[in-house]
Amino acid sequence: MGIDVALVNERHEPKQEVHDPRQCLTSLATGQWLQLQGSVCLRFVDPWGDTVFNQAQLPVLLSELEQSVASQTDPEIKAHLLKVCHLVAKAKDRTHMYVKFIGD
C-alpha cells in the first residue's frame, strides 16, 4: 500500500484524494525526500503513519513538490506528483482545509 494524499477538513474528513497504488510516494518518502537538502516539509512525510500539513505550510509543501516533479525522470512518478501538486494547490488559502499524507 502506498501513501495516499487527501484534502481534508478540520474533522479530517476527506474531500478529495489521490491514491498511490503503485507506491510512488512511498519510494520517494523512504529515499529521495529524506536526502533533500533544505527540505522543510517533504522530509517529514511518514511512509507508515499520517502527516498533516496546515495552511501556513502548504506554500512550502507545494514548492518542494514542484521541485521534486522537476527532478523526476520516471514519467509515472512525475504524473503522480503532478496530481498531488494539483490537490495541494486546491487546498491553499481555503480556511480549515489541510493536506494529509496517509501512510501504510
N, C-alpha and C. Protein backbone atom coordinates (compact mmCIF):
# COMPACT_ATOMS: atom_id res chain seq x y z
N MET A 1 0.84 -1.18 0.00
CA MET A 1 0.00 0.00 0.00
C MET A 1 0.88 1.24 0.00
N GLY A 2 0.53 2.21 -0.80
CA GLY A 2 1.31 3.43 -0.91
C GLY A 2 0.83 4.51 0.04
N ILE A 3 1.33 5.71 -0.18
CA ILE A 3 0.94 6.86 0.62
C ILE A 3 -0.13 7.62 -0.15
N ASP A 4 -1.35 7.57 0.34
CA ASP A 4 -2.43 8.34 -0.27
C ASP A 4 -2.36 9.77 0.25
N VAL A 5 -2.84 10.71 -0.55
CA VAL A 5 -2.85 12.11 -0.16
C VAL A 5 -4.29 12.60 -0.24
N ALA A 6 -4.75 13.25 0.82
CA ALA A 6 -6.14 13.70 0.88
C ALA A 6 -6.22 15.18 1.25
N LEU A 7 -7.17 15.83 0.66
CA LEU A 7 -7.59 17.17 1.06
C LEU A 7 -8.66 16.94 2.11
N VAL A 8 -8.40 17.38 3.34
CA VAL A 8 -9.32 17.10 4.44
C VAL A 8 -9.76 18.39 5.12
N ASN A 9 -10.93 18.32 5.76
CA ASN A 9 -11.41 19.47 6.53
C ASN A 9 -10.93 19.36 7.98
N GLU A 10 -11.43 20.25 8.84
CA GLU A 10 -10.96 20.27 10.23
C GLU A 10 -11.32 19.01 11.01
N ARG A 11 -12.28 18.24 10.53
CA ARG A 11 -12.64 16.96 11.16
C ARG A 11 -11.91 15.79 10.51
N HIS A 12 -10.97 16.11 9.64
CA HIS A 12 -10.17 15.13 8.89
C HIS A 12 -11.02 14.26 7.99
N GLU A 13 -12.14 14.81 7.53
CA GLU A 13 -12.98 14.12 6.55
C GLU A 13 -12.41 14.42 5.16
N PRO A 14 -12.12 13.37 4.39
CA PRO A 14 -11.54 13.60 3.06
C PRO A 14 -12.55 14.22 2.11
N LYS A 15 -12.11 15.24 1.38
CA LYS A 15 -12.93 15.91 0.38
C LYS A 15 -12.47 15.55 -1.03
N GLN A 16 -11.20 15.22 -1.16
CA GLN A 16 -10.63 14.76 -2.42
C GLN A 16 -9.37 13.97 -2.09
N GLU A 17 -9.09 12.94 -2.90
CA GLU A 17 -7.94 12.09 -2.61
C GLU A 17 -7.16 11.75 -3.88
N VAL A 18 -5.87 11.51 -3.69
CA VAL A 18 -5.01 10.96 -4.73
C VAL A 18 -4.44 9.68 -4.13
N HIS A 19 -4.82 8.55 -4.70
CA HIS A 19 -4.36 7.26 -4.20
C HIS A 19 -3.02 6.89 -4.83
N ASP A 20 -2.27 6.07 -4.13
CA ASP A 20 -0.91 5.70 -4.55
C ASP A 20 -0.76 4.18 -4.63
N PRO A 21 -1.50 3.51 -5.52
CA PRO A 21 -1.45 2.05 -5.56
C PRO A 21 -0.10 1.50 -6.01
N ARG A 22 0.67 2.26 -6.75
CA ARG A 22 1.97 1.80 -7.24
C ARG A 22 3.13 2.22 -6.33
N GLN A 23 2.79 2.80 -5.19
CA GLN A 23 3.76 3.19 -4.16
C GLN A 23 4.81 4.18 -4.65
N CYS A 24 4.41 5.08 -5.52
CA CYS A 24 5.32 6.13 -5.99
C CYS A 24 5.81 7.00 -4.84
N LEU A 25 4.87 7.44 -4.01
CA LEU A 25 5.25 8.32 -2.90
C LEU A 25 6.02 7.59 -1.82
N THR A 26 5.70 6.32 -1.63
CA THR A 26 6.43 5.53 -0.63
C THR A 26 7.91 5.47 -0.97
N SER A 27 8.21 5.21 -2.25
CA SER A 27 9.61 5.12 -2.65
C SER A 27 10.32 6.47 -2.48
N LEU A 28 9.62 7.57 -2.76
CA LEU A 28 10.21 8.89 -2.57
C LEU A 28 10.42 9.21 -1.09
N ALA A 29 9.43 8.88 -0.26
CA ALA A 29 9.49 9.20 1.17
C ALA A 29 10.55 8.38 1.90
N THR A 30 10.86 7.21 1.39
CA THR A 30 11.86 6.37 2.05
C THR A 30 13.24 6.54 1.43
N GLY A 31 13.35 7.37 0.42
CA GLY A 31 14.63 7.56 -0.26
C GLY A 31 14.94 9.01 -0.55
N GLN A 32 14.52 9.44 -1.72
CA GLN A 32 14.89 10.76 -2.24
C GLN A 32 14.50 11.91 -1.31
N TRP A 33 13.30 11.89 -0.76
CA TRP A 33 12.86 13.02 0.08
C TRP A 33 13.67 13.13 1.36
N LEU A 34 14.16 12.01 1.88
CA LEU A 34 14.98 12.05 3.09
C LEU A 34 16.31 12.76 2.84
N GLN A 35 16.76 12.72 1.59
CA GLN A 35 18.05 13.30 1.23
C GLN A 35 17.96 14.75 0.79
N LEU A 36 16.75 15.30 0.68
CA LEU A 36 16.58 16.67 0.18
C LEU A 36 17.27 17.68 1.09
N GLN A 37 18.19 18.41 0.53
CA GLN A 37 18.86 19.48 1.27
C GLN A 37 17.91 20.65 1.42
N GLY A 38 17.73 21.13 2.62
CA GLY A 38 16.89 22.28 2.86
C GLY A 38 15.40 21.99 2.87
N SER A 39 15.02 20.72 2.84
CA SER A 39 13.59 20.38 2.87
C SER A 39 12.98 20.77 4.20
N VAL A 40 11.85 21.44 4.12
CA VAL A 40 11.13 21.83 5.33
C VAL A 40 9.95 20.89 5.57
N CYS A 41 9.33 20.41 4.51
CA CYS A 41 8.12 19.60 4.64
C CYS A 41 8.29 18.14 4.20
N LEU A 42 8.75 17.92 2.99
CA LEU A 42 8.74 16.56 2.43
C LEU A 42 9.55 15.56 3.24
N ARG A 43 10.62 16.00 3.87
CA ARG A 43 11.43 15.05 4.64
C ARG A 43 10.68 14.50 5.85
N PHE A 44 9.56 15.14 6.21
CA PHE A 44 8.79 14.68 7.36
C PHE A 44 7.59 13.80 6.99
N VAL A 45 7.40 13.53 5.71
CA VAL A 45 6.30 12.64 5.31
C VAL A 45 6.63 11.24 5.82
N ASP A 46 5.76 10.71 6.66
CA ASP A 46 5.95 9.40 7.30
C ASP A 46 5.30 8.32 6.43
N PRO A 47 6.10 7.42 5.86
CA PRO A 47 5.54 6.39 4.98
C PRO A 47 4.61 5.40 5.70
N TRP A 48 4.74 5.30 7.03
CA TRP A 48 3.94 4.32 7.77
C TRP A 48 2.94 4.95 8.71
N GLY A 49 2.84 6.25 8.70
CA GLY A 49 1.90 6.96 9.56
C GLY A 49 1.23 8.08 8.77
N ASP A 50 0.58 8.96 9.46
CA ASP A 50 -0.09 10.09 8.82
C ASP A 50 0.71 11.37 9.07
N THR A 51 0.74 12.22 8.05
CA THR A 51 1.41 13.51 8.15
C THR A 51 0.43 14.56 7.63
N VAL A 52 0.17 15.59 8.43
CA VAL A 52 -0.80 16.62 8.06
C VAL A 52 -0.09 17.96 7.93
N PHE A 53 -0.39 18.67 6.85
CA PHE A 53 0.17 19.99 6.61
C PHE A 53 -0.95 21.02 6.68
N ASN A 54 -0.67 22.14 7.37
CA ASN A 54 -1.68 23.19 7.55
C ASN A 54 -1.48 24.31 6.52
N GLN A 55 -2.34 25.33 6.60
CA GLN A 55 -2.31 26.43 5.64
C GLN A 55 -0.96 27.15 5.60
N ALA A 56 -0.33 27.31 6.74
CA ALA A 56 0.97 28.00 6.77
C ALA A 56 2.06 27.19 6.07
N GLN A 57 1.92 25.87 6.07
CA GLN A 57 2.93 25.00 5.48
C GLN A 57 2.68 24.70 4.00
N LEU A 58 1.46 24.88 3.53
CA LEU A 58 1.12 24.46 2.17
C LEU A 58 1.93 25.13 1.07
N PRO A 59 2.22 26.43 1.14
CA PRO A 59 3.05 27.02 0.07
C PRO A 59 4.44 26.37 -0.02
N VAL A 60 5.04 26.09 1.12
CA VAL A 60 6.35 25.45 1.14
C VAL A 60 6.24 24.02 0.62
N LEU A 61 5.22 23.30 1.06
CA LEU A 61 5.00 21.93 0.59
C LEU A 61 4.84 21.92 -0.92
N LEU A 62 4.03 22.81 -1.46
CA LEU A 62 3.81 22.86 -2.90
C LEU A 62 5.11 23.15 -3.65
N SER A 63 5.88 24.08 -3.15
CA SER A 63 7.16 24.41 -3.77
C SER A 63 8.09 23.20 -3.79
N GLU A 64 8.17 22.48 -2.69
CA GLU A 64 9.03 21.30 -2.61
C GLU A 64 8.53 20.20 -3.54
N LEU A 65 7.22 20.03 -3.62
CA LEU A 65 6.67 19.03 -4.54
C LEU A 65 6.97 19.39 -5.99
N GLU A 66 6.85 20.66 -6.33
CA GLU A 66 7.15 21.10 -7.70
C GLU A 66 8.62 20.88 -8.04
N GLN A 67 9.51 21.08 -7.07
CA GLN A 67 10.93 20.79 -7.28
C GLN A 67 11.15 19.30 -7.49
N SER A 68 10.40 18.50 -6.74
CA SER A 68 10.51 17.05 -6.89
C SER A 68 10.03 16.60 -8.27
N VAL A 69 8.95 17.22 -8.75
CA VAL A 69 8.45 16.91 -10.10
C VAL A 69 9.54 17.21 -11.13
N ALA A 70 10.16 18.36 -11.00
CA ALA A 70 11.17 18.79 -11.97
C ALA A 70 12.38 17.86 -12.01
N SER A 71 12.66 17.19 -10.89
CA SER A 71 13.83 16.32 -10.84
C SER A 71 13.54 14.88 -11.27
N GLN A 72 12.28 14.57 -11.54
CA GLN A 72 11.90 13.19 -11.89
C GLN A 72 12.17 12.88 -13.36
N THR A 73 12.67 11.67 -13.60
CA THR A 73 12.85 11.20 -14.97
C THR A 73 11.82 10.13 -15.31
N ASP A 74 11.25 9.50 -14.29
CA ASP A 74 10.23 8.47 -14.49
C ASP A 74 8.89 9.15 -14.78
N PRO A 75 8.31 8.92 -15.96
CA PRO A 75 7.05 9.60 -16.31
C PRO A 75 5.88 9.23 -15.39
N GLU A 76 5.85 8.02 -14.87
CA GLU A 76 4.77 7.60 -13.97
C GLU A 76 4.83 8.37 -12.65
N ILE A 77 6.02 8.47 -12.09
CA ILE A 77 6.19 9.21 -10.83
C ILE A 77 5.90 10.69 -11.06
N LYS A 78 6.38 11.22 -12.17
CA LYS A 78 6.15 12.63 -12.48
C LYS A 78 4.65 12.92 -12.59
N ALA A 79 3.91 12.06 -13.28
CA ALA A 79 2.46 12.25 -13.44
C ALA A 79 1.75 12.17 -12.10
N HIS A 80 2.19 11.24 -11.25
CA HIS A 80 1.56 11.09 -9.94
C HIS A 80 1.83 12.35 -9.08
N LEU A 81 3.06 12.82 -9.09
CA LEU A 81 3.40 14.02 -8.33
C LEU A 81 2.62 15.24 -8.82
N LEU A 82 2.37 15.33 -10.11
CA LEU A 82 1.58 16.44 -10.63
C LEU A 82 0.15 16.41 -10.09
N LYS A 83 -0.41 15.21 -9.93
CA LYS A 83 -1.74 15.08 -9.33
C LYS A 83 -1.72 15.57 -7.88
N VAL A 84 -0.67 15.20 -7.15
CA VAL A 84 -0.54 15.64 -5.76
C VAL A 84 -0.38 17.16 -5.70
N CYS A 85 0.41 17.72 -6.59
CA CYS A 85 0.58 19.18 -6.64
C CYS A 85 -0.76 19.87 -6.88
N HIS A 86 -1.55 19.33 -7.77
CA HIS A 86 -2.86 19.91 -8.07
C HIS A 86 -3.74 19.90 -6.81
N LEU A 87 -3.72 18.81 -6.07
CA LEU A 87 -4.52 18.71 -4.85
C LEU A 87 -4.04 19.72 -3.81
N VAL A 88 -2.73 19.84 -3.64
CA VAL A 88 -2.18 20.79 -2.67
C VAL A 88 -2.54 22.22 -3.07
N ALA A 89 -2.46 22.51 -4.35
CA ALA A 89 -2.82 23.85 -4.82
C ALA A 89 -4.29 24.17 -4.53
N LYS A 90 -5.16 23.17 -4.62
CA LYS A 90 -6.58 23.37 -4.31
C LYS A 90 -6.79 23.71 -2.83
N ALA A 91 -5.93 23.19 -1.98
CA ALA A 91 -6.09 23.39 -0.54
C ALA A 91 -5.61 24.77 -0.08
N LYS A 92 -4.68 25.36 -0.83
CA LYS A 92 -4.12 26.66 -0.43
C LYS A 92 -5.20 27.72 -0.30
N ASP A 93 -5.07 28.50 0.75
CA ASP A 93 -5.96 29.64 1.00
C ASP A 93 -7.42 29.25 1.23
N ARG A 94 -7.65 28.02 1.63
CA ARG A 94 -9.01 27.58 1.97
C ARG A 94 -9.06 27.32 3.47
N THR A 95 -9.83 28.10 4.17
CA THR A 95 -9.93 28.02 5.61
C THR A 95 -10.32 26.61 6.06
N HIS A 96 -9.65 26.13 7.08
CA HIS A 96 -9.94 24.83 7.71
C HIS A 96 -9.74 23.65 6.77
N MET A 97 -8.87 23.81 5.78
CA MET A 97 -8.55 22.70 4.88
C MET A 97 -7.08 22.36 5.05
N TYR A 98 -6.79 21.07 5.04
CA TYR A 98 -5.45 20.56 5.29
C TYR A 98 -5.12 19.51 4.23
N VAL A 99 -3.82 19.23 4.08
CA VAL A 99 -3.38 18.14 3.20
C VAL A 99 -2.82 17.07 4.10
N LYS A 100 -3.35 15.87 3.94
CA LYS A 100 -2.97 14.75 4.79
C LYS A 100 -2.34 13.64 3.94
N PHE A 101 -1.10 13.28 4.27
CA PHE A 101 -0.44 12.14 3.65
C PHE A 101 -0.74 10.93 4.54
N ILE A 102 -1.36 9.93 3.98
CA ILE A 102 -1.84 8.78 4.75
C ILE A 102 -0.96 7.58 4.43
N GLY A 103 -0.07 7.26 5.35
CA GLY A 103 0.87 6.15 5.14
C GLY A 103 0.23 4.80 5.38
N ASP A 104 1.05 3.78 5.20
CA ASP A 104 0.60 2.38 5.28
C ASP A 104 -0.09 2.06 6.56
